[in-house]
């Protein structure tokens, strides 16, 4: 099985070596890094292990600004909300980012005063530790400091020539993602080197240089690449077309495991960004599974005019001390299940009392080989036995979770085969478990049989019925389907004699090359 990478397998064309270089020297406000927060952090080399508090105030001399100026600030590990103020006036919030790098913050006109100015970084989160420093002030706007030029990318569907929600990946000479500046629309989801557009049109700024722009839309679509030469102060236009290359008729693409920072409290994807990324990756049934929260995508989806691209369903990742369990469908108007319950049988009964028809055991070997839900019950991978033959009252188990991969790709399959041979007819599940904009939605996915191929008209009751029958196929970039003796499909139980006829179909987009197919009987 191949892993699907939306921005992988690329031939990269580069930027100039001055990519992102500052044209002006700037005034150093403070070159030191500070640890702000409330916890000990031992792996930041640039600052102290103990925090100095949850607020930092720095002074610097300047003159009043009648036009836009700029601050350059280095920081890392921004999860919560941090205000950036100048002379007591809010000028922005720190960008959410885990890695240490420089960010630019615009200073609007008439914020600075002649003489001493006060820059403050203030925590608005109950707990969050950050490293921040290397602060410089520029008496010029962002476009001048970074020699920016505008770029407009338009992506259309090749047959009907209509705009298409897509993922754009922008890379430089060093084959790394590059910073994106001044995106033009709130309906974009933007991160370093990454832009999701809900309309197929995205406009933003880049420092002068040459860039490789790659358009993708999940594992069923083609991939197109164009090299853009960006010139300071000018606008560059590029047009690309994508084709739907993988025939999945009779199935819909489902991601059963999706998060938002808005309601899960970690990761970085806001609710609107999550809606845009779902459409941009070609997922057709999107199940919200924030931790112990019922998230309804429908209102935001309607607001963004993306109803025709997917059907939403409310779910919940019921997060307990003894494992995480996705449950759906659920009502956003009703209370969440009792996530403090540690007995699996009682927990499952409580989840179903709340209306769920499907329960999935998530990432069963996470977070480590020794510390995971299956080890809690001393699961025997050879026989399927566990302590006191404890019940596993779930309908499915994640075998392909694209953000929780196993070093041994068959480990979870051996677990599953053991369960099947033990008499537990638990269904296989593929999902993304995406918490961020960068982790592709639908990279791991489950294809479920459906009587419609229209993603806006999916019958969720039918889909659940087919899921419980096992009429599914899981994927990490390759679509597969099977027939036994010419008529039996996934989910069917077949009584066989000495021989059977098997027809196996494998399909992938042109940028993925399947190498081999494996068929297992009674386990690997």
Protein backbone atom coordinates (compact mmCIF):
# COMPACT_ATOMS: atom_id res chain seq x y z
CA UNK A 1 0.00 0.00 0.00
CA UNK A 2 1.40 3.39 -1.00
CA UNK A 3 1.11 6.46 1.15
CA UNK A 4 -0.56 9.39 -0.61
CA UNK A 5 1.15 12.75 -0.24
CA UNK A 6 -0.71 15.69 -1.73
CA UNK A 7 2.48 17.69 -2.13
CA UNK A 8 4.83 14.78 -2.72
CA UNK A 9 6.40 13.11 -5.76
CA UNK A 10 7.24 16.48 -7.31
CA UNK A 11 9.88 17.93 -9.59
CA UNK A 12 10.68 21.23 -7.93
CA UNK A 13 11.74 24.40 -9.72
CA UNK A 14 13.36 26.95 -7.50
CA UNK A 15 13.42 30.46 -6.18
CA UNK A 16 16.39 32.77 -6.07
CA UNK A 17 18.68 32.32 -3.10
CA UNK A 18 17.43 35.66 -1.76
CA UNK A 19 13.93 34.21 -1.20
CA UNK A 20 12.36 36.11 1.68
CA UNK A 21 15.50 38.23 2.21
CA UNK A 22 14.79 41.62 3.74
CA UNK A 23 15.66 44.49 1.42
CA UNK A 24 16.19 46.90 4.33
CA UNK A 25 18.32 46.35 7.44
CA UNK A 26 15.65 47.34 9.93
CA UNK A 27 15.99 48.47 13.54
CA UNK A 28 16.68 45.76 16.12
CA UNK A 29 14.13 46.04 18.92
CA UNK A 30 15.42 42.99 20.82
CA UNK A 31 17.57 40.15 19.44
CA UNK A 32 16.98 37.94 22.50
CA UNK A 33 14.39 35.12 22.70
CA UNK A 34 12.02 34.87 25.64
CA UNK A 35 10.06 31.93 27.02
CA UNK A 36 6.50 33.01 27.82
CA UNK A 37 3.93 30.75 29.42
CA UNK A 38 3.52 28.69 32.57
CA UNK A 39 5.40 25.40 32.08
CA UNK A 40 8.97 24.09 31.92
CA UNK A 41 10.16 23.41 28.35
CA UNK A 42 13.51 21.69 27.91
CA UNK A 43 13.94 21.41 24.13
CA UNK A 44 14.17 25.07 23.07
CA UNK A 45 17.83 25.90 22.54
CA UNK A 46 17.29 29.62 21.92
CA UNK A 47 15.73 30.48 25.30
CA UNK A 48 15.32 29.45 28.93
CA UNK A 49 13.56 26.32 30.18
CA UNK A 50 11.47 28.29 32.69
CA UNK A 51 9.03 31.00 31.55
CA UNK A 52 9.37 34.62 32.58
CA UNK A 53 5.60 35.10 32.67
CA UNK A 54 2.67 35.35 30.26
CA UNK A 55 3.37 38.87 29.05
CA UNK A 56 6.36 40.63 27.49
CA UNK A 57 6.76 44.43 27.23
CA UNK A 58 9.60 45.92 25.19
CA UNK A 59 10.44 49.56 24.46
CA UNK A 60 12.09 51.10 21.41
CA UNK A 61 12.55 54.58 20.03
CA UNK A 62 10.93 55.63 16.77
CA UNK A 63 9.01 58.46 15.17
CA UNK A 64 5.30 58.71 14.43
CA UNK A 65 4.22 56.72 11.38
CA UNK A 66 1.83 58.33 8.91
CA UNK A 67 1.94 55.26 6.64
CA UNK A 68 2.14 51.48 7.08
CA UNK A 69 5.32 50.10 8.69
CA UNK A 70 6.39 46.60 9.76
CA UNK A 71 7.54 44.38 12.62
CA UNK A 72 9.51 41.17 12.10
CA UNK A 73 9.14 38.70 15.00
CA UNK A 74 10.56 35.21 15.46
CA UNK A 75 8.43 32.73 17.40
CA UNK A 76 7.41 29.12 17.78
CA UNK A 77 4.81 26.82 19.34
CA UNK A 78 1.87 29.23 19.11
CA UNK A 79 -1.25 27.19 19.93
CA UNK A 80 -3.40 29.64 21.85
CA UNK A 81 -4.36 33.27 21.44
CA UNK A 82 -1.61 35.88 21.87
CA UNK A 83 -2.26 39.59 21.36
CA UNK A 84 0.29 41.91 19.80
CA UNK A 85 -0.14 45.53 20.87
CA UNK A 86 1.74 48.75 20.21
CA UNK A 87 1.26 51.59 22.66
CA UNK A 88 -1.77 49.79 24.03
CA UNK A 89 -3.44 49.38 20.62
CA UNK A 90 -4.09 45.91 19.21
CA UNK A 91 -2.31 45.40 15.87
CA UNK A 92 -2.75 41.63 15.50
CA UNK A 93 -2.49 38.13 16.97
CA UNK A 94 0.53 35.85 16.75
CA UNK A 95 0.25 33.36 13.90
CA UNK A 96 -0.27 29.77 14.99
CA UNK A 97 2.90 27.87 14.13
CA UNK A 98 4.91 25.09 15.78
CA UNK A 99 8.27 25.68 14.11
CA UNK A 100 10.66 28.55 14.89
CA UNK A 101 10.66 31.10 12.07
CA UNK A 102 10.20 34.80 11.35
CA UNK A 103 6.75 36.34 10.92
CA UNK A 104 5.81 39.80 9.74
CA UNK A 105 3.17 42.01 11.36
CA UNK A 106 1.89 45.20 9.76
CA UNK A 107 1.81 48.35 11.85
CA UNK A 108 -1.10 50.55 10.65
CA UNK A 109 -0.60 54.31 10.22
CA UNK A 110 -0.68 56.58 13.28
CA UNK A 111 0.14 53.83 15.83
CA UNK A 112 3.73 54.85 16.57
CA UNK A 113 4.63 58.04 18.42
CA UNK A 114 7.71 60.20 18.45
CA UNK A 115 10.06 58.91 21.11
CA UNK A 116 9.55 55.78 23.24
CA UNK A 117 7.10 53.15 22.00
CA UNK A 118 5.94 50.04 23.89
CA UNK A 119 5.51 46.69 22.16
CA UNK A 120 3.57 44.10 24.19
CA UNK A 121 2.95 40.37 23.66
CA UNK A 122 0.05 39.25 25.89
CA UNK A 123 -1.33 35.74 26.44
CA UNK A 124 -5.11 35.33 26.19
CA UNK A 125 -5.01 31.54 26.71
CA UNK A 126 -5.26 29.66 29.98
CA UNK A 127 -2.12 27.71 29.15
CA UNK A 128 0.34 27.99 26.29
CA UNK A 129 4.13 28.16 26.20
CA UNK A 130 5.92 29.99 23.42
CA UNK A 131 9.39 31.14 22.44
CA UNK A 132 9.50 34.66 20.99
CA UNK A 133 12.22 37.15 20.06
CA UNK A 134 14.55 38.42 17.31
CA UNK A 135 12.27 41.42 16.90
CA UNK A 136 13.02 44.10 14.31
CA UNK A 137 11.19 47.23 13.17
CA UNK A 138 11.10 48.44 9.54
CA UNK A 139 10.11 51.95 8.53
CA UNK A 140 8.73 50.51 5.28
CA UNK A 141 5.64 48.44 4.30
CA UNK A 142 5.82 44.67 3.89
CA UNK A 143 5.83 44.77 0.08
CA UNK A 144 8.95 46.95 0.04
CA UNK A 145 10.82 45.07 2.75
CA UNK A 146 10.38 41.66 1.06
CA UNK A 147 10.28 42.86 -2.59
CA UNK A 148 6.84 41.31 -3.08
CA UNK A 149 5.00 40.67 -6.30
CA UNK A 150 1.38 39.52 -6.69
CA UNK A 151 0.43 36.07 -7.95
CA UNK A 152 -3.00 34.94 -9.12
CA UNK A 153 -3.58 31.23 -9.64
CA UNK A 154 -6.73 29.97 -11.38
CA UNK A 155 -7.62 26.27 -11.40
CA UNK A 156 -10.51 24.84 -13.42
CA UNK A 157 -12.02 21.45 -14.10
CA UNK A 158 -10.71 20.39 -17.51
CA UNK A 159 -14.05 19.29 -18.98
CA UNK A 160 -16.52 21.97 -17.88
CA UNK A 161 -13.99 24.79 -17.39
CA UNK A 162 -15.51 25.71 -14.03
CA UNK A 163 -13.57 26.75 -10.94
CA UNK A 164 -12.66 23.92 -8.59
CA UNK A 165 -11.79 23.79 -4.86
CA UNK A 166 -8.14 22.70 -4.75
CA UNK A 167 -4.95 22.57 -2.74
CA UNK A 168 -2.07 24.71 -4.03
CA UNK A 169 1.47 23.89 -2.92
CA UNK A 170 4.17 26.52 -3.48
CA UNK A 171 7.81 25.45 -3.24
CA UNK A 172 11.22 27.01 -3.64
CA UNK A 173 14.69 26.11 -4.87
CA UNK A 174 15.51 24.23 -1.69
CA UNK A 175 12.39 22.05 -2.16
CA UNK A 176 10.79 23.59 0.91
CA UNK A 177 7.45 25.28 1.43
CA UNK A 178 7.70 29.06 1.20
CA UNK A 179 5.89 31.75 3.21
CA UNK A 180 2.70 33.15 1.66
CA UNK A 181 1.93 36.85 2.11
CA UNK A 182 -1.17 39.03 1.77
CA UNK A 183 -3.79 36.44 0.71
CA UNK A 184 -6.73 38.25 -0.86
CA UNK A 185 -9.72 36.34 0.50
CA UNK A 186 -11.01 35.16 3.88
CA UNK A 187 -12.28 32.03 2.09
CA UNK A 188 -8.74 30.74 1.65
CA UNK A 189 -6.96 28.42 4.07
CA UNK A 190 -3.32 29.56 4.05
CA UNK A 191 -0.22 28.12 5.71
CA UNK A 192 3.47 28.17 4.81
CA UNK A 193 3.71 27.09 1.18
CA UNK A 194 0.07 26.01 1.14
CA UNK A 195 -3.16 27.61 -0.09
CA UNK A 196 -6.58 25.96 -0.21
CA UNK A 197 -9.09 27.83 -2.35
CA UNK A 198 -12.82 27.13 -2.34
CA UNK A 199 -13.38 28.73 -5.78
CA UNK A 200 -10.31 27.69 -7.75
CA UNK A 201 -8.93 31.24 -7.64
CA UNK A 202 -6.28 32.40 -5.18
CA UNK A 203 -4.30 35.62 -5.10
CA UNK A 204 -1.36 36.29 -2.78
CA UNK A 205 2.11 37.82 -2.67
CA UNK A 206 5.57 36.25 -2.88
CA UNK A 207 9.09 37.71 -2.83
CA UNK A 208 10.61 38.16 -6.28
CA UNK A 209 11.86 34.87 -7.72
CA UNK A 210 10.80 31.67 -9.46
CA UNK A 211 8.30 29.29 -7.86
CA UNK A 212 6.80 25.93 -8.54
CA UNK A 213 3.02 25.95 -8.00
CA UNK A 214 1.33 22.54 -7.82
CA UNK A 215 -2.44 22.04 -7.92
CA UNK A 216 -3.98 18.85 -6.48
CA UNK A 217 -7.41 17.72 -5.33
CA UNK A 218 -6.96 14.49 -3.42
CA UNK A 219 -6.24 11.02 -4.76
CA UNK A 220 -8.90 10.86 -7.49
CA UNK A 221 -7.68 13.86 -9.48
CA UNK A 222 -4.73 14.70 -11.69
CA UNK A 223 -1.84 16.84 -10.54
CA UNK A 224 -0.63 19.90 -12.45
CA UNK A 225 2.44 22.05 -11.97
CA UNK A 226 3.49 25.43 -13.35
CA UNK A 227 6.57 27.59 -12.78
CA UNK A 228 5.81 31.23 -11.94
CA UNK A 229 8.34 34.03 -12.21
CA UNK A 230 7.47 36.71 -9.68
CA UNK A 231 8.66 40.29 -10.16
CA UNK A 232 8.62 42.95 -7.46
CA UNK A 233 5.65 45.26 -7.78
CA UNK A 234 4.07 43.34 -10.66
CA UNK A 235 1.33 40.72 -11.02
CA UNK A 236 1.83 37.20 -12.37
CA UNK A 237 -1.08 35.03 -13.57
CA UNK A 238 -1.11 31.25 -13.97
CA UNK A 239 -3.87 28.93 -15.16
CA UNK A 240 -4.11 25.18 -14.52
CA UNK A 241 -6.67 22.47 -15.23
CA UNK A 242 -7.35 19.24 -13.33
CA UNK A 243 -9.11 16.08 -14.48
CA UNK A 244 -11.01 13.49 -12.48
CA UNK A 245 -8.91 10.39 -13.24
CA UNK A 246 -10.11 7.65 -10.86
CA UNK A 247 -13.49 6.05 -11.50
CA UNK A 248 -15.12 5.38 -8.11
CA UNK A 249 -18.72 5.18 -9.30
CA UNK A 250 -20.90 3.31 -6.83
CA UNK A 251 -18.76 4.48 -3.90
CA UNK A 252 -18.41 7.76 -2.04
CA UNK A 253 -15.19 8.98 -0.41
CA UNK A 254 -15.59 9.37 3.35
CA UNK A 255 -13.29 10.75 6.04
CA UNK A 256 -14.55 9.53 9.42
CA UNK A 257 -12.01 11.42 11.54
CA UNK A 258 -11.75 15.22 11.30
CA UNK A 259 -10.86 17.94 13.81
CA UNK A 260 -10.86 21.70 14.20
CA UNK A 261 -8.77 23.84 16.51
CA UNK A 262 -11.99 25.74 17.15
CA UNK A 263 -13.57 22.87 19.07
CA UNK A 264 -10.81 20.31 19.71
CA UNK A 265 -8.46 22.94 21.14
CA UNK A 266 -5.30 21.75 19.39
CA UNK A 267 -3.99 21.64 15.85
CA UNK A 268 -4.51 24.82 13.84
CA UNK A 269 -7.52 24.44 11.52
CA UNK A 270 -10.40 26.80 12.22
CA UNK A 271 -13.93 25.68 11.38
CA UNK A 272 -14.11 27.69 8.10
CA UNK A 273 -10.66 26.40 7.10
CA UNK A 274 -11.77 22.83 7.75
CA UNK A 275 -14.75 23.28 5.41
CA UNK A 276 -12.48 24.63 2.65
CA UNK A 277 -9.92 21.81 3.08
CA UNK A 278 -12.64 19.14 2.88
CA UNK A 279 -13.85 20.55 -0.44
CA UNK A 280 -10.28 21.04 -1.66
CA UNK A 281 -9.34 17.38 -1.10
CA UNK A 282 -12.40 15.87 -2.78
CA UNK A 283 -13.89 14.23 0.31
CA UNK A 284 -17.60 13.56 -0.29
CA UNK A 285 -18.84 12.56 3.17
CA UNK A 286 -17.18 14.48 6.01
CA UNK A 287 -17.76 13.35 9.59
CA UNK A 288 -16.86 15.88 12.27
CA UNK A 289 -15.13 14.25 15.23
CA UNK A 290 -13.85 16.95 17.54
CA UNK A 291 -12.83 15.66 20.98
CA UNK A 292 -15.91 15.31 23.19
CA UNK A 293 -17.79 17.87 21.13
CA UNK A 294 -20.60 17.71 18.55
CA UNK A 295 -19.55 19.97 15.65
CA UNK A 296 -22.06 20.80 12.93
CA UNK A 297 -20.37 21.73 9.65
CA UNK A 298 -23.63 22.54 7.84
CA UNK A 299 -24.07 26.25 8.78
CA UNK A 300 -20.48 27.14 7.88
CA UNK A 301 -20.61 25.03 4.73
CA UNK A 302 -23.71 26.91 3.57
CA UNK A 303 -22.09 30.26 4.40
CA UNK A 304 -19.11 29.36 2.19
CA UNK A 305 -21.38 28.12 -0.67
CA UNK A 306 -19.74 24.67 -0.66
CA UNK A 307 -22.85 22.50 -0.24
CA UNK A 308 -22.50 20.81 -3.63
CA UNK A 309 -19.07 19.35 -2.84
CA UNK A 310 -19.78 17.17 0.20
CA UNK A 311 -22.35 15.98 2.70
CA UNK A 312 -21.53 16.67 6.37
CA UNK A 313 -22.37 14.43 9.31
CA UNK A 314 -22.06 15.25 13.02
CA UNK A 315 -19.88 12.90 15.03
CA UNK A 316 -17.67 12.96 18.11
CA UNK A 317 -14.30 11.51 19.04
CA UNK A 318 -15.27 10.28 22.47
CA UNK A 319 -11.91 10.69 24.16
CA UNK A 320 -11.38 8.52 27.26
CA UNK A 321 -8.47 7.30 29.37
CA UNK A 322 -8.81 3.87 27.75
CA UNK A 323 -8.97 4.87 24.10
CA UNK A 324 -10.53 7.21 21.57
CA UNK A 325 -13.76 6.22 19.84
CA UNK A 326 -15.40 7.95 16.89
CA UNK A 327 -19.19 7.86 17.07
CA UNK A 328 -21.79 8.99 14.53
CA UNK A 329 -24.35 10.20 13.71
CA UNK A 330 -25.08 12.45 16.67
CA UNK A 331 -27.23 15.51 17.21
CA UNK A 332 -25.43 18.83 17.78
CA UNK A 333 -28.31 19.82 20.06
CA UNK A 334 -27.86 16.90 22.48
CA UNK A 335 -25.29 16.32 25.25
CA UNK A 336 -22.04 14.48 24.53
CA UNK A 337 -21.54 10.86 25.68
CA UNK A 338 -19.95 10.12 29.05
CA UNK A 339 -16.26 10.30 28.09
CA UNK A 340 -15.23 9.66 31.71
CA UNK A 341 -16.48 6.07 31.47
CA UNK A 342 -13.54 3.63 31.20
CA UNK A 343 -15.45 0.36 30.81
CA UNK A 344 -15.77 -0.25 27.06
CA UNK A 345 -19.11 -2.06 27.26
CA UNK A 346 -20.73 0.65 29.38
CA UNK A 347 -19.15 3.36 27.24
CA UNK A 348 -20.46 1.85 23.98
CA UNK A 349 -23.94 1.47 25.47
CA UNK A 350 -23.90 5.11 26.55
CA UNK A 351 -22.70 6.27 23.12
CA UNK A 352 -25.51 4.36 21.39
CA UNK A 353 -28.04 5.79 23.85
CA UNK A 354 -27.02 9.20 22.50
CA UNK A 355 -28.05 8.12 18.99
CA UNK A 356 -24.82 6.82 17.43
CA UNK A 357 -25.19 3.91 15.01
CA UNK A 358 -21.46 3.50 14.36
CA UNK A 359 -18.58 3.30 16.85
CA UNK A 360 -14.97 3.09 15.65
CA UNK A 361 -11.87 2.36 17.74
CA UNK A 362 -9.34 4.96 16.63
CA UNK A 363 -5.58 4.48 16.19
CA UNK A 364 -5.57 1.30 18.35
CA UNK A 365 -1.75 1.22 18.66
CA UNK A 366 -1.40 4.92 19.55
CA UNK A 367 0.43 6.62 21.24
CA UNK A 368 3.13 3.92 21.48
CA UNK A 369 3.64 0.16 21.11
CA UNK A 370 3.53 -0.24 24.90
CA UNK A 371 0.90 2.37 25.72
CA UNK A 372 -2.25 1.85 23.67
CA UNK A 373 -5.85 0.61 24.03
CA UNK A 374 -5.15 -2.95 22.85
CA UNK A 375 -2.33 -3.35 25.35
CA UNK A 376 -4.71 -2.35 28.13
CA UNK A 377 -6.54 -5.66 27.60
CA UNK A 378 -3.35 -7.63 26.79
CA UNK A 379 -4.51 -8.28 23.25
CA UNK A 380 -2.96 -11.41 21.67
CA UNK A 381 -2.21 -10.64 18.04
CA UNK A 382 -1.93 -14.31 17.13
CA UNK A 383 -5.26 -15.48 18.55
CA UNK A 384 -7.36 -12.37 19.15
CA UNK A 385 -7.66 -13.26 22.85
CA UNK A 386 -7.62 -10.54 25.53
CA UNK A 387 -7.90 -10.31 29.30
CA UNK A 388 -11.03 -12.13 30.51
CA UNK A 389 -12.12 -12.16 26.83
CA UNK A 390 -13.20 -8.53 27.34
CA UNK A 391 -15.76 -7.40 24.77
CA UNK A 392 -14.76 -4.97 22.05
CA UNK A 393 -18.19 -3.43 21.32
CA UNK A 394 -17.22 -1.41 18.26
CA UNK A 395 -18.25 -1.57 14.60
CA UNK A 396 -14.95 -0.56 13.06
CA UNK A 397 -11.24 -0.17 13.73
CA UNK A 398 -8.82 2.25 12.08
CA UNK A 399 -6.26 0.44 9.95
CA UNK A 400 -5.15 3.44 7.88
CA UNK A 401 -4.82 6.68 9.87
CA UNK A 402 -2.66 9.01 7.80
CA UNK A 403 -1.49 11.15 10.73
CA UNK A 404 -0.78 8.17 13.00
CA UNK A 405 1.23 5.86 10.78
CA UNK A 406 2.94 2.68 11.98
CA UNK A 407 6.54 1.77 11.15
CA UNK A 408 5.21 -1.67 10.27
CA UNK A 409 2.34 -0.98 7.83
CA UNK A 410 0.83 -4.44 8.40
CA UNK A 411 0.77 -4.24 12.20
CA UNK A 412 -2.84 -3.08 12.41
CA UNK A 413 -3.89 -5.50 9.70
CA UNK A 414 -2.56 -8.39 11.79
CA UNK A 415 -4.61 -7.05 14.70
CA UNK A 416 -7.68 -6.93 12.47
CA UNK A 417 -7.20 -10.44 11.07
CA UNK A 418 -6.84 -11.75 14.62
CA UNK A 419 -10.11 -10.10 15.60
CA UNK A 420 -11.87 -11.52 12.53
CA UNK A 421 -10.57 -15.01 13.18
CA UNK A 422 -11.68 -14.66 16.81
CA UNK A 423 -15.23 -14.06 15.58
CA UNK A 424 -15.32 -10.26 15.83
CA UNK A 425 -16.65 -9.06 12.45
CA UNK A 426 -15.27 -5.55 12.88
CA UNK A 427 -15.00 -3.35 9.78
CA UNK A 428 -11.78 -1.80 8.47
CA UNK A 429 -11.59 2.01 8.46
CA UNK A 430 -9.32 4.53 6.74
CA UNK A 431 -9.19 8.16 7.89
CA UNK A 432 -6.97 11.23 8.05
CA UNK A 433 -7.34 12.31 11.71
CA UNK A 434 -6.44 15.76 10.40
CA UNK A 435 -6.10 18.48 13.06
CA UNK A 436 -4.29 21.00 10.87
CA UNK A 437 -4.60 22.69 7.50
CA UNK A 438 -1.33 21.05 6.41
CA UNK A 439 -2.35 17.44 7.19
CA UNK A 440 -4.43 16.54 4.11
CA UNK A 441 -8.06 15.71 4.77
CA UNK A 442 -8.89 12.38 3.14
CA UNK A 443 -5.26 11.29 2.81
CA UNK A 444 -6.53 8.21 4.62
CA UNK A 445 -10.15 7.58 3.64
CA UNK A 446 -12.91 4.97 3.50
CA UNK A 447 -14.87 4.35 0.32
CA UNK A 448 -18.45 3.32 1.13
CA UNK A 449 -20.97 1.93 -1.34
CA UNK A 450 -23.63 4.45 -2.36
CA UNK A 451 -26.57 4.57 -4.77
CA UNK A 452 -25.63 8.13 -5.74
CA UNK A 453 -22.37 9.65 -6.93
CA UNK A 454 -23.59 13.19 -6.24
CA UNK A 455 -21.69 14.31 -3.09
CA UNK A 456 -24.50 16.70 -2.13
CA UNK A 457 -27.23 14.03 -2.28
CA UNK A 458 -25.73 11.25 -0.18
CA UNK A 459 -28.26 9.22 1.82
CA UNK A 460 -26.52 9.06 5.20
CA UNK A 461 -28.77 6.25 6.46
CA UNK A 462 -27.87 4.19 3.39
CA UNK A 463 -24.18 4.91 3.87
CA UNK A 464 -24.32 3.81 7.51
CA UNK A 465 -26.14 0.63 6.50
CA UNK A 466 -23.48 -0.18 3.91
CA UNK A 467 -20.71 0.64 6.39
CA UNK A 468 -22.14 -1.79 8.94
CA UNK A 469 -22.34 -4.42 6.17
CA UNK A 470 -18.66 -3.89 5.39
CA UNK A 471 -19.40 -2.67 1.86
CA UNK A 472 -16.28 -0.53 1.97
CA UNK A 473 -12.73 -0.13 0.71
CA UNK A 474 -10.04 1.76 2.60
CA UNK A 475 -7.35 3.81 0.91
CA UNK A 476 -4.15 5.77 1.35
CA UNK A 477 -3.97 6.85 -2.29
CA UNK A 478 -5.14 3.85 -4.31
CA UNK A 479 -8.73 2.80 -4.93
CA UNK A 480 -9.48 -0.93 -4.96
CA UNK A 481 -12.55 -3.07 -5.47
CA UNK A 482 -13.08 -6.83 -5.56
CA UNK A 483 -15.52 -9.42 -6.86
CA UNK A 484 -15.55 -13.08 -5.84
CA UNK A 485 -17.06 -15.65 -8.21
CA UNK A 486 -18.35 -12.82 -10.35
CA UNK A 487 -20.99 -11.50 -7.95
CA UNK A 488 -19.87 -11.20 -4.33
CA UNK A 489 -18.66 -7.73 -3.27
CA UNK A 490 -16.91 -6.27 -0.19
CA UNK A 491 -19.01 -7.01 2.89
CA UNK A 492 -20.54 -10.20 1.52
CA UNK A 493 -19.99 -13.57 3.23
CA UNK A 494 -19.14 -16.21 0.68
CA UNK A 495 -19.33 -19.96 1.09
CA UNK A 496 -16.54 -21.33 -1.09
CA UNK A 497 -15.42 -24.69 -2.34
CA UNK A 498 -11.92 -25.74 -3.30
CA UNK A 499 -11.46 -22.84 -5.75
CA UNK A 500 -12.83 -19.33 -6.14
CA UNK A 501 -12.57 -16.76 -8.89
CA UNK A 502 -11.32 -13.34 -7.81
CA UNK A 503 -11.50 -10.15 -9.85
CA UNK A 504 -9.43 -7.38 -8.28
CA UNK A 505 -9.51 -3.78 -9.55
CA UNK A 506 -6.84 -1.23 -8.65
CA UNK A 507 -7.07 2.42 -9.75
CA UNK A 508 -4.97 5.50 -9.02
CA UNK A 509 -4.33 8.93 -10.52
CA UNK A 510 -1.55 9.32 -13.08
CA UNK A 511 0.89 10.65 -10.48
CA UNK A 512 0.72 7.50 -8.30
CA UNK A 513 2.09 4.16 -9.59
CA UNK A 514 0.83 1.00 -7.82
CA UNK A 515 3.57 -1.62 -7.65
CA UNK A 516 1.95 -4.80 -6.41
CA UNK A 517 -1.27 -6.30 -5.08
CA UNK A 518 -1.37 -8.68 -2.12
CA UNK A 519 -4.19 -11.08 -1.29
CA UNK A 520 -4.43 -12.53 2.22
CA UNK A 521 -6.39 -15.56 3.38
CA UNK A 522 -7.01 -15.87 7.14
CA UNK A 523 -4.34 -13.29 7.91
CA UNK A 524 -0.81 -12.48 6.73
